[in-house]
Structure formats: C-alpha cells, structure tokens
C-alpha cells in the first residue's frame, strides 16, 4: 500500500535520529530546526526532553519530529532555509 502523501515517504524512508528539545528548537549537524508548532511542544512537555526526528538525506531544509504526546510527526523547517533547502 502506498502512502497517501509524498511527505509520508520522507517519514518512511528518512534517517531516524534523536535530539533534545531546547529554546532554539532541535539542532542537527549544526543546523537549528524550530517553528511555532515545535515551540508549543517544548512549552507543553518541557525543555531538555529527548524526541525522535527523521531527516531526509536529500534535503536538510526540514525534519519530521515525532510528537511524544500522540505519536504523529510534524514537519519543522530549518531556521536557515536559504542555506539548508536542498542540502544533502
């Protein structure tokens, strides 16, 4: 069965990692990932909590963070999209 959305392929085929929630979001390979949805997660469950996230090896412009409250993934963009979009 094929996923309904192409974004779901990023989650299925991406590289799994863990990271710590900070005020700046999540850091991976020197890049910071943050947005209002991730900030809401930090506000709700607290800083310094470890979460799972998935990276697309073809595009470091965003990651998918697993929400530990419901198990769903949210897309979080890099804070430097001009640099990270398309970066492998």
Protein backbone atom coordinates (compact mmCIF):
# COMPACT_ATOMS: atom_id res chain seq x y z
CA UNK A 1 0.00 0.00 0.00
CA UNK A 2 1.34 3.41 -0.98
CA UNK A 3 1.25 6.41 1.38
CA UNK A 4 -1.43 8.99 0.65
CA UNK A 5 1.01 11.91 0.78
CA UNK A 6 4.55 12.29 -0.54
CA UNK A 7 5.53 13.76 2.83
CA UNK A 8 4.77 10.37 4.37
CA UNK A 9 7.56 8.91 2.22
CA UNK A 10 10.04 11.22 3.96
CA UNK A 11 8.98 9.71 7.29
CA UNK A 12 9.11 6.14 6.00
CA UNK A 13 12.41 6.41 4.12
CA UNK A 14 14.20 9.06 6.20
CA UNK A 15 17.04 8.61 8.65
CA UNK A 16 15.90 8.25 12.26
CA UNK A 17 17.63 10.31 14.94
CA UNK A 18 17.04 11.57 18.45
CA UNK A 19 17.52 15.09 19.68
CA UNK A 20 16.96 17.24 22.73
CA UNK A 21 14.36 20.00 22.78
CA UNK A 22 15.92 23.38 23.51
CA UNK A 23 14.80 27.02 23.36
CA UNK A 24 16.27 27.16 19.83
CA UNK A 25 14.41 24.00 18.79
CA UNK A 26 16.38 20.93 17.75
CA UNK A 27 19.96 21.00 16.49
CA UNK A 28 21.26 18.56 13.87
CA UNK A 29 24.61 18.83 12.06
CA UNK A 30 24.97 22.45 13.15
CA UNK A 31 21.53 23.41 11.80
CA UNK A 32 18.66 24.54 14.01
CA UNK A 33 15.07 23.49 13.39
CA UNK A 34 12.27 25.48 15.03
CA UNK A 35 8.76 26.74 14.39
CA UNK A 36 5.65 27.64 16.41
CA UNK A 37 4.43 24.01 16.46
CA UNK A 38 7.70 22.80 17.94
CA UNK A 39 7.69 25.67 20.43
CA UNK A 40 4.21 24.57 21.53
CA UNK A 41 5.62 21.07 22.10
CA UNK A 42 8.51 22.49 24.17
CA UNK A 43 6.07 24.60 26.20
CA UNK A 44 3.87 21.56 26.83
CA UNK A 45 6.40 18.82 27.66
CA UNK A 46 9.40 20.94 28.66
CA UNK A 47 12.95 21.58 27.51
CA UNK A 48 15.72 19.00 27.58
CA UNK A 49 13.33 16.22 26.63
CA UNK A 50 14.61 13.77 24.03
CA UNK A 51 12.44 13.29 20.96
CA UNK A 52 12.71 11.22 17.80
CA UNK A 53 13.04 13.00 14.47
CA UNK A 54 13.54 11.94 10.88
CA UNK A 55 15.82 13.59 8.34
CA UNK A 56 15.55 13.31 4.58
CA UNK A 57 19.07 12.63 3.26
CA UNK A 58 18.17 14.56 0.09
CA UNK A 59 17.05 17.76 1.83
CA UNK A 60 18.22 19.07 5.20
CA UNK A 61 15.83 22.03 4.89
CA UNK A 62 13.36 20.35 7.23
CA UNK A 63 12.94 17.45 9.64
CA UNK A 64 9.94 15.50 10.88
CA UNK A 65 9.66 15.48 14.68
CA UNK A 66 7.63 12.77 16.40
CA UNK A 67 5.23 14.27 18.91
CA UNK A 68 5.51 12.04 22.01
CA UNK A 69 2.00 13.07 23.10
CA UNK A 70 0.24 11.45 20.14
CA UNK A 71 2.91 9.66 18.06
CA UNK A 72 2.31 11.82 14.98
CA UNK A 73 5.07 13.53 13.01
CA UNK A 74 5.22 17.27 12.42
CA UNK A 75 7.36 18.95 9.79
CA UNK A 76 9.75 21.52 11.24
CA UNK A 77 11.72 23.77 8.91
CA UNK A 78 15.33 24.79 9.36
CA UNK A 79 15.83 28.30 10.73
CA UNK A 80 18.16 28.93 7.74
CA UNK A 81 16.06 27.70 4.79
CA UNK A 82 18.12 29.73 2.29
CA UNK A 83 21.15 27.64 3.24
CA UNK A 84 19.66 24.27 4.15
CA UNK A 85 16.99 23.75 1.44
CA UNK A 86 18.31 21.08 -0.90
CA UNK A 87 21.42 20.50 1.22
CA UNK A 88 22.33 16.81 1.38
